[in-house]
Amino acid sequence: MTALAPGVQFLLLVFEVALVLGISPLLVGIMRRVKARSQRRLGPPLLQPYRDLRKLFRKDRIYAESASTLTPYAPWISFVALVSAVPFLPWFFVPAPLGFAGDLIVVVGLLALSRFMTALAALDAGSTFGGMGSTRDMWIGALAEPTFLLVIFAWGAPSGSTQASVIVEHGLSLGLAHLSPALLLASTAFGVLLLAETGRLPVDNPATHLELTMVHEAMVLEYTGQDLAVIEWGKGIKFVLLAGLLTAVLLPWGIATALGAGALALGVGLLLVKLSSTAWLVGHLETRVAKWRLFRVADLSTLAVALALGSIALTYLVGVGS
């Protein structure tokens, strides 16, 4: 693994964080646009999420009388937890800036912290909808996080590491042989996990305001202004994190392994293509499936667990994917 000077690592870290922060609203806009066009509607402009964030940041924050001092800080803690996961992933260059400091299990912990703070704030407001949404979200998280860990072990088994940079470099060294049945099974399981973690159909409907089906929307009903902007921005960042991890492991080609203007530019360009394509696919998928009943989400999680276990079995018992 290439050793980088501290100054270079810092510059890569800053650029990657800025890139993720900047592109996350655009991916949300792509998904909304694709869904609208698939339903033969004009839909909002691609840049509408940026305008929404700007409008919300200009508004004041209002809190319920029953809310404690936790409520103003929870959205920001959740946001920082998500942003803190960015340097642990290889976006367009390996090794990741902070890959040496933690592996994908740390990323799982940061995502869990973000979910916990959002759910805790929803309960803190004392509203019925907040309690309902936080209960549902934590239940979905209890199903998704073990699946996430299984997928990490399935991805890391061939390289013998759970660090994202090591997994990606191992995939690059294998060439097309990297696309083994074990990898495809684990990546399919992660695709199911992505839908559950980001609140997309069929697990949750991000566009709904129906009381009986709300999950994420029920948790943020008490927030306005800057706090709501941070929450919505964080939701987009979470999608970028999971989509970026999936594309980096499944399709690592194009990620630079040595410093150079051409290699880095190619890596950034292909990263934008991969993330945009993932958003496009998710948007199309959401027009093809309906919202599942809440208790059927467990069936979806069971499918993901079965796929991840099948990937691990192929790796260790059959020897495929190593």
Protein backbone atom coordinates (compact mmCIF):
# COMPACT_ATOMS: atom_id res chain seq x y z
CA MET A 1 0.00 0.00 0.00
CA THR A 2 1.44 3.36 -1.05
CA ALA A 3 2.68 5.56 1.80
CA LEU A 4 1.64 9.19 1.51
CA ALA A 5 3.04 12.29 3.15
CA PRO A 6 0.81 13.77 5.88
CA GLY A 7 0.24 16.90 3.83
CA VAL A 8 -0.94 14.90 0.82
CA GLN A 9 -3.23 12.80 3.01
CA PHE A 10 -4.76 15.96 4.46
CA LEU A 11 -5.39 17.45 1.01
CA LEU A 12 -7.01 14.22 -0.18
CA LEU A 13 -9.16 14.12 2.94
CA VAL A 14 -10.37 17.70 2.48
CA PHE A 15 -11.09 17.16 -1.22
CA GLU A 16 -12.99 13.91 -0.64
CA VAL A 17 -15.13 15.43 2.10
CA ALA A 18 -15.88 18.46 -0.08
CA LEU A 19 -16.73 16.20 -3.02
CA VAL A 20 -19.15 14.08 -1.00
CA LEU A 21 -20.78 17.16 0.55
CA GLY A 22 -21.14 18.77 -2.86
CA ILE A 23 -22.46 15.81 -4.85
CA SER A 24 -24.94 14.39 -2.33
CA PRO A 25 -27.78 16.85 -3.15
CA LEU A 26 -27.23 16.24 -6.86
CA LEU A 27 -27.74 12.48 -6.46
CA VAL A 28 -30.98 13.16 -4.59
CA GLY A 29 -32.02 15.37 -7.50
CA ILE A 30 -31.17 12.62 -10.00
CA MET A 31 -33.33 10.08 -8.15
CA ARG A 32 -36.26 12.49 -7.96
CA ARG A 33 -35.92 13.38 -11.63
CA VAL A 34 -35.72 9.76 -12.75
CA LYS A 35 -38.80 8.84 -10.71
CA ALA A 36 -40.74 11.76 -12.14
CA ARG A 37 -39.81 10.99 -15.75
CA SER A 38 -40.64 7.30 -15.25
CA GLN A 39 -44.10 8.40 -14.08
CA ARG A 40 -44.43 10.74 -17.10
CA ARG A 41 -44.10 13.85 -14.96
CA LEU A 42 -41.80 16.78 -15.58
CA GLY A 43 -40.44 16.62 -12.06
CA PRO A 44 -38.25 19.11 -10.16
CA PRO A 45 -34.98 20.46 -11.60
CA LEU A 46 -31.81 18.51 -10.87
CA LEU A 47 -30.51 21.37 -8.73
CA GLN A 48 -33.69 21.69 -6.65
CA PRO A 49 -32.14 19.96 -3.58
CA TYR A 50 -29.47 22.68 -3.46
CA ARG A 51 -32.17 25.35 -3.53
CA ASP A 52 -34.09 23.57 -0.79
CA LEU A 53 -31.01 23.46 1.43
CA ARG A 54 -30.30 27.14 0.82
CA LYS A 55 -33.89 28.02 1.72
CA LEU A 56 -33.83 25.94 4.90
CA PHE A 57 -30.48 27.36 6.06
CA ARG A 58 -32.03 30.84 5.88
CA LYS A 59 -34.91 29.90 8.18
CA ASP A 60 -34.94 29.98 11.95
CA ARG A 61 -35.02 26.92 14.16
CA ILE A 62 -38.15 26.23 16.20
CA TYR A 63 -38.38 23.59 18.95
CA ALA A 64 -41.21 21.96 20.84
CA GLU A 65 -41.73 23.17 24.40
CA SER A 66 -41.17 19.64 25.70
CA ALA A 67 -37.81 19.25 23.93
CA SER A 68 -34.64 19.17 26.00
CA THR A 69 -31.20 20.56 25.19
CA LEU A 70 -30.48 17.39 23.21
CA THR A 71 -32.77 18.36 20.33
CA PRO A 72 -30.69 21.28 18.93
CA TYR A 73 -27.46 19.24 18.93
CA ALA A 74 -28.68 15.83 17.71
CA PRO A 75 -28.92 16.70 13.96
CA TRP A 76 -25.41 18.12 13.98
CA ILE A 77 -23.93 15.13 15.81
CA SER A 78 -25.64 12.83 13.32
CA PHE A 79 -24.29 14.92 10.44
CA VAL A 80 -20.73 14.94 11.78
CA ALA A 81 -20.85 11.15 12.30
CA LEU A 82 -21.74 10.65 8.63
CA VAL A 83 -19.08 13.05 7.38
CA SER A 84 -16.51 11.36 9.64
CA ALA A 85 -17.00 8.12 7.71
CA VAL A 86 -15.88 9.67 4.41
CA PRO A 87 -12.07 9.43 4.95
CA PHE A 88 -12.29 5.71 5.75
CA LEU A 89 -13.47 4.84 2.23
CA PRO A 90 -11.48 4.80 -1.03
CA TRP A 91 -13.30 7.16 -3.39
CA PHE A 92 -10.93 7.77 -6.28
CA PHE A 93 -7.56 6.89 -4.73
CA VAL A 94 -6.17 4.08 -2.58
CA PRO A 95 -5.23 4.02 0.20
CA ALA A 96 -8.02 6.02 1.83
CA PRO A 97 -6.76 9.05 3.82
CA LEU A 98 -7.73 7.52 7.18
CA GLY A 99 -7.86 3.88 6.11
CA PHE A 100 -5.04 3.06 8.49
CA ALA A 101 -7.05 4.36 11.46
CA GLY A 102 -10.10 2.12 11.05
CA ASP A 103 -11.88 -0.38 8.87
CA LEU A 104 -15.44 -0.85 7.62
CA ILE A 105 -16.60 -1.86 11.09
CA VAL A 106 -15.81 1.71 12.19
CA VAL A 107 -18.02 2.93 9.33
CA VAL A 108 -20.84 0.71 10.61
CA GLY A 109 -20.42 2.25 14.05
CA LEU A 110 -20.55 5.80 12.69
CA LEU A 111 -23.70 5.04 10.71
CA ALA A 112 -25.23 3.49 13.83
CA LEU A 113 -24.34 6.62 15.85
CA SER A 114 -26.03 8.82 13.25
CA ARG A 115 -29.18 6.68 13.33
CA PHE A 116 -29.23 6.61 17.13
CA MET A 117 -28.97 10.40 17.49
CA THR A 118 -31.77 11.00 14.98
CA ALA A 119 -34.03 8.48 16.71
CA LEU A 120 -33.20 9.86 20.16
CA ALA A 121 -34.06 13.40 19.05
CA ALA A 122 -37.37 12.18 17.61
CA LEU A 123 -38.25 10.70 20.99
CA ASP A 124 -37.04 13.81 22.82
CA ALA A 125 -39.70 16.00 21.19
CA GLY A 126 -42.42 13.88 22.80
CA SER A 127 -44.61 13.62 19.70
CA THR A 128 -46.51 10.49 18.75
CA PHE A 129 -45.18 10.48 15.20
CA GLY A 130 -41.60 10.88 16.41
CA GLY A 131 -41.90 7.88 18.69
CA MET A 132 -43.50 5.80 15.95
CA GLY A 133 -40.84 6.73 13.39
CA SER A 134 -37.89 6.21 15.72
CA THR A 135 -39.19 2.80 16.82
CA ARG A 136 -39.55 1.68 13.22
CA ASP A 137 -36.17 3.08 12.23
CA MET A 138 -34.33 1.38 15.08
CA TRP A 139 -36.06 -1.89 14.24
CA ILE A 140 -34.93 -1.60 10.62
CA GLY A 141 -31.42 -0.76 11.86
CA ALA A 142 -31.40 -3.85 14.08
CA LEU A 143 -32.08 -5.92 10.94
CA ALA A 144 -29.66 -4.04 8.68
CA GLU A 145 -26.54 -3.77 10.83
CA PRO A 146 -25.90 -7.55 11.22
CA THR A 147 -26.33 -7.85 7.47
CA PHE A 148 -23.79 -5.06 6.99
CA LEU A 149 -21.27 -6.92 9.15
CA LEU A 150 -21.81 -10.17 7.23
CA VAL A 151 -21.27 -8.38 3.92
CA ILE A 152 -18.06 -6.81 5.27
CA PHE A 153 -16.73 -10.23 6.25
CA ALA A 154 -17.75 -11.65 2.85
CA TRP A 155 -16.00 -8.82 1.01
CA GLY A 156 -12.92 -8.99 3.20
CA ALA A 157 -12.46 -12.76 3.24
CA PRO A 158 -10.45 -13.03 -0.02
CA SER A 159 -8.03 -10.25 1.01
CA GLY A 160 -7.96 -11.20 4.70
CA SER A 161 -8.85 -7.67 5.81
CA THR A 162 -11.88 -5.55 6.62
CA GLN A 163 -10.18 -2.31 5.53
CA ALA A 164 -11.84 -0.88 2.45
CA SER A 165 -8.53 0.11 0.84
CA VAL A 166 -7.10 -3.40 1.17
CA ILE A 167 -10.27 -4.94 -0.28
CA VAL A 168 -10.20 -2.56 -3.26
CA GLU A 169 -6.49 -3.08 -3.93
CA HIS A 170 -6.98 -6.84 -3.81
CA GLY A 171 -9.81 -6.53 -6.33
CA LEU A 172 -7.65 -4.41 -8.63
CA SER A 173 -4.88 -7.02 -8.51
CA LEU A 174 -7.28 -9.79 -9.63
CA GLY A 175 -8.55 -8.05 -12.76
CA LEU A 176 -11.80 -9.45 -14.15
CA ALA A 177 -11.40 -12.50 -11.89
CA HIS A 178 -12.45 -10.14 -9.12
CA LEU A 179 -16.07 -10.49 -10.32
CA SER A 180 -16.55 -13.86 -8.65
CA PRO A 181 -19.91 -15.39 -7.66
CA ALA A 182 -19.05 -14.76 -4.00
CA LEU A 183 -18.51 -11.05 -4.67
CA LEU A 184 -21.72 -10.76 -6.68
CA LEU A 185 -23.75 -12.43 -3.91
CA ALA A 186 -22.31 -10.14 -1.24
CA SER A 187 -22.79 -7.05 -3.41
CA THR A 188 -26.42 -7.98 -4.09
CA ALA A 189 -26.96 -8.31 -0.35
CA PHE A 190 -25.38 -4.88 0.11
CA GLY A 191 -27.69 -3.47 -2.57
CA VAL A 192 -30.66 -4.62 -0.50
CA LEU A 193 -29.02 -3.11 2.56
CA LEU A 194 -28.54 0.21 0.74
CA LEU A 195 -32.29 0.48 0.13
CA ALA A 196 -33.06 -0.23 3.78
CA GLU A 197 -30.40 2.07 5.25
CA THR A 198 -31.27 5.03 3.04
CA GLY A 199 -35.04 4.71 3.42
CA ARG A 200 -35.84 3.93 -0.21
CA LEU A 201 -38.63 1.79 -1.62
CA PRO A 202 -39.72 -0.90 -0.87
CA VAL A 203 -38.59 -0.32 2.75
CA ASP A 204 -39.61 3.32 3.09
CA ASN A 205 -41.06 5.97 0.80
CA PRO A 206 -39.09 9.26 1.06
CA ALA A 207 -41.93 11.17 -0.62
CA THR A 208 -44.78 10.04 1.62
CA HIS A 209 -46.55 11.92 4.42
CA LEU A 210 -49.05 9.19 5.28
CA GLU A 211 -49.09 8.51 9.01
CA LEU A 212 -49.22 4.72 8.74
CA THR A 213 -46.23 4.42 6.39
CA MET A 214 -43.82 7.15 7.52
CA VAL A 215 -40.44 6.20 8.98
CA HIS A 216 -37.84 8.89 8.31
CA GLU A 217 -40.39 11.64 7.73
CA ALA A 218 -42.06 10.87 11.06
CA MET A 219 -38.75 11.33 12.86
CA VAL A 220 -38.05 14.82 11.50
CA LEU A 221 -41.51 16.40 11.69
CA GLU A 222 -40.48 18.49 14.70
CA TYR A 223 -37.46 20.02 12.96
CA THR A 224 -37.36 23.21 10.91
CA GLY A 225 -34.83 25.57 9.40
CA GLN A 226 -31.12 24.84 9.70
CA ASP A 227 -31.64 21.63 11.67
CA LEU A 228 -33.91 20.19 8.98
CA ALA A 229 -31.40 21.22 6.31
CA VAL A 230 -28.63 19.33 8.12
CA ILE A 231 -30.86 16.25 8.48
CA GLU A 232 -31.81 16.19 4.80
CA TRP A 233 -28.24 16.86 3.73
CA GLY A 234 -27.07 14.02 5.95
CA LYS A 235 -29.58 11.68 4.36
CA GLY A 236 -28.04 12.40 0.97
CA ILE A 237 -24.53 11.91 2.36
CA LYS A 238 -25.54 8.52 3.73
CA PHE A 239 -26.67 7.46 0.26
CA VAL A 240 -23.36 8.63 -1.21
CA LEU A 241 -21.40 6.71 1.45
CA LEU A 242 -23.16 3.42 0.79
CA ALA A 243 -23.29 3.85 -2.99
CA GLY A 244 -19.60 4.83 -3.05
CA LEU A 245 -18.63 1.80 -0.98
CA LEU A 246 -20.64 -0.55 -3.19
CA THR A 247 -19.18 0.76 -6.44
CA ALA A 248 -15.63 0.85 -5.04
CA VAL A 249 -15.74 -2.81 -4.01
CA LEU A 250 -17.78 -4.15 -6.92
CA LEU A 251 -16.20 -2.03 -9.69
CA PRO A 252 -12.82 -0.83 -8.40
CA TRP A 253 -11.37 -0.15 -11.84
CA GLY A 254 -10.47 3.48 -12.37
CA ILE A 255 -9.50 4.13 -8.75
CA ALA A 256 -5.98 5.55 -8.78
CA THR A 257 -3.20 3.69 -6.97
CA ALA A 258 -0.49 6.31 -7.58
CA LEU A 259 -0.47 10.08 -7.41
CA GLY A 260 -0.74 11.75 -10.80
CA ALA A 261 -2.99 14.39 -12.31
CA GLY A 262 -4.29 12.11 -15.06
CA ALA A 263 -4.97 9.15 -12.78
CA LEU A 264 -6.69 11.29 -10.16
CA ALA A 265 -8.82 13.08 -12.77
CA LEU A 266 -9.85 9.74 -14.26
CA GLY A 267 -10.68 8.42 -10.80
CA VAL A 268 -12.85 11.43 -9.94
CA GLY A 269 -14.61 11.30 -13.30
CA LEU A 270 -15.39 7.58 -13.04
CA LEU A 271 -16.52 8.06 -9.44
CA LEU A 272 -19.08 10.64 -10.55
CA VAL A 273 -20.28 8.28 -13.29
CA LYS A 274 -20.60 5.35 -10.87
CA LEU A 275 -22.49 7.36 -8.25
CA SER A 276 -24.81 8.94 -10.83
CA SER A 277 -25.51 5.53 -12.37
CA THR A 278 -26.34 4.09 -8.94
CA ALA A 279 -28.74 6.96 -8.26
CA TRP A 280 -30.31 6.43 -11.68
CA LEU A 281 -30.79 2.70 -11.00
CA VAL A 282 -32.30 3.33 -7.56
CA GLY A 283 -34.66 5.92 -9.03
CA HIS A 284 -35.82 3.48 -11.70
CA LEU A 285 -36.20 0.68 -9.15
CA GLU A 286 -38.47 2.84 -7.01
CA THR A 287 -40.89 3.19 -9.93
CA ARG A 288 -41.03 -0.59 -10.37
CA VAL A 289 -41.74 -1.69 -6.79
CA ALA A 290 -44.38 -0.78 -4.26
CA LYS A 291 -43.97 0.05 -0.60
CA TRP A 292 -43.89 -3.17 1.40
CA ARG A 293 -45.75 -3.66 4.64
CA LEU A 294 -43.53 -2.91 7.61
CA PHE A 295 -43.28 -6.48 8.85
CA ARG A 296 -42.26 -7.71 5.39
CA VAL A 297 -39.02 -5.76 5.76
CA ALA A 298 -37.78 -8.68 7.86
CA ASP A 299 -38.18 -10.90 4.78
CA LEU A 300 -35.98 -8.52 2.80
CA SER A 301 -33.37 -8.60 5.54
CA THR A 302 -33.51 -12.39 5.59
CA LEU A 303 -32.80 -12.44 1.86
CA ALA A 304 -29.79 -10.18 2.33
CA VAL A 305 -28.45 -12.34 5.19
CA ALA A 306 -28.88 -15.48 3.09
CA LEU A 307 -26.98 -13.92 0.20
CA ALA A 308 -24.15 -12.76 2.48
CA LEU A 309 -23.88 -16.17 4.13
CA GLY A 310 -23.86 -17.79 0.69
CA SER A 311 -20.98 -15.53 -0.30
CA ILE A 312 -19.00 -16.48 2.81
CA ALA A 313 -19.70 -20.17 2.16
CA LEU A 314 -18.44 -19.89 -1.41
CA THR A 315 -15.28 -18.16 -0.23
CA TYR A 316 -14.33 -20.53 2.59
CA LEU A 317 -15.88 -23.86 1.60
CA VAL A 318 -15.59 -23.82 -2.19
CA GLY A 319 -12.70 -21.43 -2.54
CA VAL A 320 -14.42 -19.14 -5.00
CA GLY A 321 -13.51 -15.43 -4.84
CA SER A 322 -10.00 -15.80 -3.44
